[in-house]
Amino acid sequence: MSLGHLHKAFTAALLDCLPRKLHHKLESWMAPAQLSLVGKRSGNGIQLAHFYYVSAISIEDVPFTQVDTATLLAQAAAWLIDNDEHRYLLEANDSAVTVKTEVVDEGKIDIALEVSFIELLELIPDEQGSVKFNGQHWCIAAPEVDIAETITVVACHE
């Protein structure tokens, strides 16, 4: 997965809530980001860093008669709960969705959402990989985690 995939998918989920003729009114971008180095083994690869960023969504001139803002916000919350598996890594104040609205006129509203995301930057060994790290070539991908199929429990008596 590419960095920013949560931003792209979240934007697509919000577009699904809007009538097609209003899609051109939605703009989205990723605000300044931060890369926090981790360097921890993870399954058959390495968790290299955490990529923090803010997904900004702006929808202008939204007609009250065509879009139920409560449904739009509920869908945003539901999507985050269903799809953002690393949300627990964010600080409590960063996990909230910032919502700003401004009345344009008696029939329209501007809506702005800001959502913090954290994505894992993970590497797996790959001789053809474009990332050189620790004397090896790696590619960006989520490592497979081996899951034990059996377990043996040995009782210790002291």
C-alpha atoms as a PDB file:
ATOM      1  CA  MET A   1       0.000   0.000   0.000  1.00  0.00           C
ATOM      2  CA  SER A   2       1.182   3.482  -0.712  1.00  0.00           C
ATOM      3  CA  LEU A   3       1.500   6.140   1.946  1.00  0.00           C
ATOM      4  CA  GLY A   4      -1.656   8.197   2.067  1.00  0.00           C
ATOM      5  CA  HIS A   5      -3.920   5.256   1.245  1.00  0.00           C
ATOM      6  CA  LEU A   6      -6.173   6.043   4.226  1.00  0.00           C
ATOM      7  CA  HIS A   7      -6.608   9.617   3.003  1.00  0.00           C
ATOM      8  CA  LYS A   8      -7.592   8.407  -0.476  1.00  0.00           C
ATOM      9  CA  ALA A   9     -10.017   5.786   0.852  1.00  0.00           C
ATOM     10  CA  PHE A  10     -11.586   8.199   3.357  1.00  0.00           C
ATOM     11  CA  THR A  11     -12.117  10.760   0.599  1.00  0.00           C
ATOM     12  CA  ALA A  12     -13.743   8.081  -1.583  1.00  0.00           C
ATOM     13  CA  ALA A  13     -16.058   7.082   1.285  1.00  0.00           C
ATOM     14  CA  LEU A  14     -17.218  10.687   1.693  1.00  0.00           C
ATOM     15  CA  LEU A  15     -17.784  11.031  -2.055  1.00  0.00           C
ATOM     16  CA  ASP A  16     -20.076   7.986  -1.827  1.00  0.00           C
ATOM     17  CA  CYS A  17     -22.287  10.007   0.569  1.00  0.00           C
ATOM     18  CA  LEU A  18     -22.675  12.890  -1.849  1.00  0.00           C
ATOM     19  CA  PRO A  19     -24.906  13.039  -4.909  1.00  0.00           C
ATOM     20  CA  ARG A  20     -22.727  12.635  -8.015  1.00  0.00           C
ATOM     21  CA  LYS A  21     -23.499  16.184  -9.180  1.00  0.00           C
ATOM     22  CA  LEU A  22     -21.826  17.516  -5.993  1.00  0.00           C
ATOM     23  CA  HIS A  23     -18.567  15.526  -6.303  1.00  0.00           C
ATOM     24  CA  HIS A  24     -16.788  18.503  -7.871  1.00  0.00           C
ATOM     25  CA  LYS A  25     -17.438  20.508  -4.692  1.00  0.00           C
ATOM     26  CA  LEU A  26     -15.266  18.198  -2.570  1.00  0.00           C
ATOM     27  CA  GLU A  27     -11.548  18.933  -2.306  1.00  0.00           C
ATOM     28  CA  SER A  28      -9.095  16.929  -0.219  1.00  0.00           C
ATOM     29  CA  TRP A  29      -5.405  17.131   0.558  1.00  0.00           C
ATOM     30  CA  MET A  30      -2.848  15.845   3.003  1.00  0.00           C
ATOM     31  CA  ALA A  31      -1.515  18.469   5.397  1.00  0.00           C
ATOM     32  CA  PRO A  32       2.097  18.492   6.647  1.00  0.00           C
ATOM     33  CA  ALA A  33       3.292  15.144   7.846  1.00  0.00           C
ATOM     34  CA  GLN A  34       5.755  13.699  10.311  1.00  0.00           C
ATOM     35  CA  LEU A  35       7.832  10.547  10.059  1.00  0.00           C
ATOM     36  CA  SER A  36       8.576   8.948  13.442  1.00  0.00           C
ATOM     37  CA  LEU A  37      11.359   6.366  13.247  1.00  0.00           C
ATOM     38  CA  VAL A  38      10.680   2.945  14.784  1.00  0.00           C
ATOM     39  CA  GLY A  39      13.092   0.318  13.370  1.00  0.00           C
ATOM     40  CA  LYS A  40      11.386  -2.716  14.971  1.00  0.00           C
ATOM     41  CA  ARG A  41      11.192  -6.282  13.651  1.00  0.00           C
ATOM     42  CA  SER A  42       7.644  -7.195  12.659  1.00  0.00           C
ATOM     43  CA  GLY A  43       6.841 -10.685  11.469  1.00  0.00           C
ATOM     44  CA  ASN A  44       9.054 -11.341   8.453  1.00  0.00           C
ATOM     45  CA  GLY A  45       9.985  -7.704   7.961  1.00  0.00           C
ATOM     46  CA  ILE A  46      10.623  -4.412   9.682  1.00  0.00           C
ATOM     47  CA  GLN A  47       8.337  -1.656  10.900  1.00  0.00           C
ATOM     48  CA  LEU A  48      10.561   1.217   9.792  1.00  0.00           C
ATOM     49  CA  ALA A  49       8.513   4.276  10.781  1.00  0.00           C
ATOM     50  CA  HIS A  50       5.120   5.734  11.601  1.00  0.00           C
ATOM     51  CA  PHE A  51       3.816   8.275   9.087  1.00  0.00           C
ATOM     52  CA  TYR A  52       1.567  10.890  10.752  1.00  0.00           C
ATOM     53  CA  TYR A  53      -0.505  13.330   8.680  1.00  0.00           C
ATOM     54  CA  VAL A  54      -3.779  15.218   8.596  1.00  0.00           C
ATOM     55  CA  SER A  55      -6.364  14.551   5.904  1.00  0.00           C
ATOM     56  CA  ALA A  56      -8.209  17.781   5.148  1.00  0.00           C
ATOM     57  CA  ILE A  57     -11.584  17.630   3.386  1.00  0.00           C
ATOM     58  CA  SER A  58     -13.512  20.671   2.219  1.00  0.00           C
ATOM     59  CA  ILE A  59     -16.995  20.550   0.727  1.00  0.00           C
ATOM     60  CA  GLU A  60     -18.307  23.941  -0.360  1.00  0.00           C
ATOM     61  CA  ASP A  61     -21.835  25.132  -1.089  1.00  0.00           C
ATOM     62  CA  VAL A  62     -23.525  21.958   0.158  1.00  0.00           C
ATOM     63  CA  PRO A  63     -27.299  22.253  -0.323  1.00  0.00           C
ATOM     64  CA  PHE A  64     -29.220  21.285   2.831  1.00  0.00           C
ATOM     65  CA  THR A  65     -31.932  19.748   0.662  1.00  0.00           C
ATOM     66  CA  GLN A  66     -29.536  17.330  -1.068  1.00  0.00           C
ATOM     67  CA  VAL A  67     -27.148  16.287   1.707  1.00  0.00           C
ATOM     68  CA  ASP A  68     -27.984  15.234   5.248  1.00  0.00           C
ATOM     69  CA  THR A  69     -24.949  16.470   7.190  1.00  0.00           C
ATOM     70  CA  ALA A  70     -25.700  14.133  10.122  1.00  0.00           C
ATOM     71  CA  THR A  71     -25.526  11.143   7.774  1.00  0.00           C
ATOM     72  CA  LEU A  72     -22.308  12.452   6.213  1.00  0.00           C
ATOM     73  CA  LEU A  73     -20.672  12.803   9.649  1.00  0.00           C
ATOM     74  CA  ALA A  74     -21.996   9.431  10.797  1.00  0.00           C
ATOM     75  CA  GLN A  75     -20.534   7.811   7.682  1.00  0.00           C
ATOM     76  CA  ALA A  76     -17.185   9.496   8.363  1.00  0.00           C
ATOM     77  CA  ALA A  77     -17.147   8.125  11.923  1.00  0.00           C
ATOM     78  CA  ALA A  78     -18.284   4.655  10.824  1.00  0.00           C
ATOM     79  CA  TRP A  79     -15.622   4.513   8.101  1.00  0.00           C
ATOM     80  CA  LEU A  80     -12.878   5.425  10.581  1.00  0.00           C
ATOM     81  CA  ILE A  81     -13.994   2.770  13.053  1.00  0.00           C
ATOM     82  CA  ASP A  82     -14.237   0.121  10.313  1.00  0.00           C
ATOM     83  CA  ASN A  83     -11.054   0.937   8.388  1.00  0.00           C
ATOM     84  CA  ASP A  84      -8.426   2.690  10.504  1.00  0.00           C
ATOM     85  CA  GLU A  85      -6.821  -0.198  12.353  1.00  0.00           C
ATOM     86  CA  HIS A  86      -3.939   1.901  13.734  1.00  0.00           C
ATOM     87  CA  ARG A  87      -6.093   4.725  15.127  1.00  0.00           C
ATOM     88  CA  TYR A  88      -5.292   3.537  18.664  1.00  0.00           C
ATOM     89  CA  LEU A  89      -1.670   4.679  18.120  1.00  0.00           C
ATOM     90  CA  LEU A  90      -2.772   8.330  17.955  1.00  0.00           C
ATOM     91  CA  GLU A  91      -2.906  10.513  21.048  1.00  0.00           C
ATOM     92  CA  ALA A  92      -6.462  11.028  22.346  1.00  0.00           C
ATOM     93  CA  ASN A  93      -6.715  14.616  21.067  1.00  0.00           C
ATOM     94  CA  ASP A  94      -5.449  13.524  17.613  1.00  0.00           C
ATOM     95  CA  SER A  95      -8.024  10.742  17.256  1.00  0.00           C
ATOM     96  CA  ALA A  96     -10.940  13.201  17.190  1.00  0.00           C
ATOM     97  CA  VAL A  97     -12.327  14.489  13.902  1.00  0.00           C
ATOM     98  CA  THR A  98     -12.385  18.280  13.679  1.00  0.00           C
ATOM     99  CA  VAL A  99     -15.575  19.519  12.012  1.00  0.00           C
ATOM    100  CA  LYS A 100     -16.092  23.133  10.972  1.00  0.00           C
ATOM    101  CA  THR A 101     -19.194  24.465   9.263  1.00  0.00           C
ATOM    102  CA  GLU A 102     -20.084  27.851   7.874  1.00  0.00           C
ATOM    103  CA  VAL A 103     -23.470  28.925   6.591  1.00  0.00           C
ATOM    104  CA  VAL A 104     -23.151  30.293   3.048  1.00  0.00           C
ATOM    105  CA  ASP A 105     -26.781  31.317   2.716  1.00  0.00           C
ATOM    106  CA  GLU A 106     -30.148  30.028   3.869  1.00  0.00           C
ATOM    107  CA  GLY A 107     -29.892  26.918   1.698  1.00  0.00           C
ATOM    108  CA  LYS A 108     -26.152  26.084   1.663  1.00  0.00           C
ATOM    109  CA  ILE A 109     -23.323  25.266   4.045  1.00  0.00           C
ATOM    110  CA  ASP A 110     -19.555  24.776   3.783  1.00  0.00           C
ATOM    111  CA  ILE A 111     -18.180  21.752   5.628  1.00  0.00           C
ATOM    112  CA  ALA A 112     -14.536  21.191   6.563  1.00  0.00           C
ATOM    113  CA  LEU A 113     -13.191  18.016   8.173  1.00  0.00           C
ATOM    114  CA  GLU A 114      -9.714  17.351   9.512  1.00  0.00           C
ATOM    115  CA  VAL A 115      -8.734  13.800  10.398  1.00  0.00           C
ATOM    116  CA  SER A 116      -5.359  12.705  11.753  1.00  0.00           C
ATOM    117  CA  PHE A 117      -4.011   9.446  10.399  1.00  0.00           C
ATOM    118  CA  ILE A 118      -1.060   7.251  11.224  1.00  0.00           C
ATOM    119  CA  GLU A 119       0.203   4.726   8.708  1.00  0.00           C
ATOM    120  CA  LEU A 120       2.939   2.174   9.224  1.00  0.00           C
ATOM    121  CA  LEU A 121       5.887   2.290   6.854  1.00  0.00           C
ATOM    122  CA  GLU A 122       6.926  -1.358   6.672  1.00  0.00           C
ATOM    123  CA  LEU A 123       9.615  -3.185   4.716  1.00  0.00           C
ATOM    124  CA  ILE A 124      10.139  -6.768   3.632  1.00  0.00           C
ATOM    125  CA  PRO A 125      13.403  -8.223   2.277  1.00  0.00           C
ATOM    126  CA  ASP A 126      13.593  -8.102  -1.521  1.00  0.00           C
ATOM    127  CA  GLU A 127      16.787  -8.452  -3.561  1.00  0.00           C
ATOM    128  CA  GLN A 128      15.270  -6.134  -6.194  1.00  0.00           C
ATOM    129  CA  GLY A 129      13.886  -3.710  -3.609  1.00  0.00           C
ATOM    130  CA  SER A 130      14.563  -0.014  -3.981  1.00  0.00           C
ATOM    131  CA  VAL A 131      15.160   0.684  -0.269  1.00  0.00           C
ATOM    132  CA  LYS A 132      18.654   0.003   1.078  1.00  0.00           C
ATOM    133  CA  PHE A 133      18.649  -0.569   4.831  1.00  0.00           C
ATOM    134  CA  ASN A 134      20.964  -2.418   7.169  1.00  0.00           C
ATOM    135  CA  GLY A 135      23.108  -3.762   4.307  1.00  0.00           C
ATOM    136  CA  GLN A 136      20.093  -5.280   2.516  1.00  0.00           C
ATOM    137  CA  HIS A 137      17.570  -4.391  -0.181  1.00  0.00           C
ATOM    138  CA  TRP A 138      13.945  -4.058   0.872  1.00  0.00           C
ATOM    139  CA  CYS A 139      10.601  -3.167  -0.681  1.00  0.00           C
ATOM    140  CA  ILE A 140       7.728  -1.324   0.956  1.00  0.00           C
ATOM    141  CA  ALA A 141       5.062  -3.866   1.907  1.00  0.00           C
ATOM    142  CA  ALA A 142       3.366  -5.240   5.001  1.00  0.00           C
ATOM    143  CA  PRO A 143       5.299  -8.247   6.295  1.00  0.00           C
ATOM    144  CA  GLU A 144       3.585 -11.577   6.707  1.00  0.00           C
ATOM    145  CA  VAL A 145       3.287 -12.673  10.305  1.00  0.00           C
ATOM    146  CA  ASP A 146       3.739 -16.392  10.927  1.00  0.00           C
ATOM    147  CA  ILE A 147       0.968 -17.776  13.111  1.00  0.00           C
ATOM    148  CA  ALA A 148       1.637 -20.851  15.201  1.00  0.00           C
ATOM    149  CA  GLU A 149      -0.532 -23.813  14.263  1.00  0.00           C
ATOM    150  CA  THR A 150       0.285 -25.825  17.368  1.00  0.00           C
ATOM    151  CA  ILE A 151       1.650 -25.082  20.806  1.00  0.00           C
ATOM    152  CA  THR A 152       3.233 -27.264  23.411  1.00  0.00           C
ATOM    153  CA  VAL A 153       2.849 -26.307  27.055  1.00  0.00           C
ATOM    154  CA  VAL A 154       5.445 -27.615  29.470  1.00  0.00           C
ATOM    155  CA  ALA A 155       4.724 -27.410  33.162  1.00  0.00           C
ATOM    156  CA  CYS A 156       7.609 -26.309  35.346  1.00  0.00           C
ATOM    157  CA  HIS A 157       7.741 -27.461  38.941  1.00  0.00           C
ATOM    158  CA  GLU A 158      10.081 -25.691  41.276  1.00  0.00           C
END
